[in-house]
Amino acid sequence: MLDDPDIKDQFAIPYPLGTPLKIPAVNEDPGRIRNEALFAKAYGDCRKGEVTKRLKPVTWLPDRGGGTVMVTTVNGVADRLADVARSLANAARRDEHGMPVGPKGKIPYHSRRASLRGARGPDRAR
């Protein structure tokens, strides 16, 4: 199966879902069986240098100690990963008071009732 797999063989061993993960059994290695023709068609032939010229640098969370990763441009993957990185960076940003800061600036605070039993809060001051 490893010497000349077809596409069906490639998906014969499922990736485990959820937790806890267990130690895989002998020869239980999802992703090890690869149909080279499928990968060459999708990403290019690495032996001919086709993969490298389709890679693009993507900045990954520089404020969190990340760096730059090289990602394929095939099917817009690099641009989509860059979008995810920007979303995560914006979700993690906070102002000097610890309040979340969104992509368009500060997220407004909205006062609301603390309980249905009439507890006082900023919106219920008497």
Foldseek 3Di string as FASTA:
>chain_A
DQPADDPCVLCPQPDDDDDDDDDDDVPRDRRNRDHVVVCCVQQNDVVVVRNVVQWDWAQAPVVVVGGIDTDGCGVHPRVVVNVVRVQVNQQPDADPVRARAHPVGGDDDDDDDPDPPQDDDPVRDD
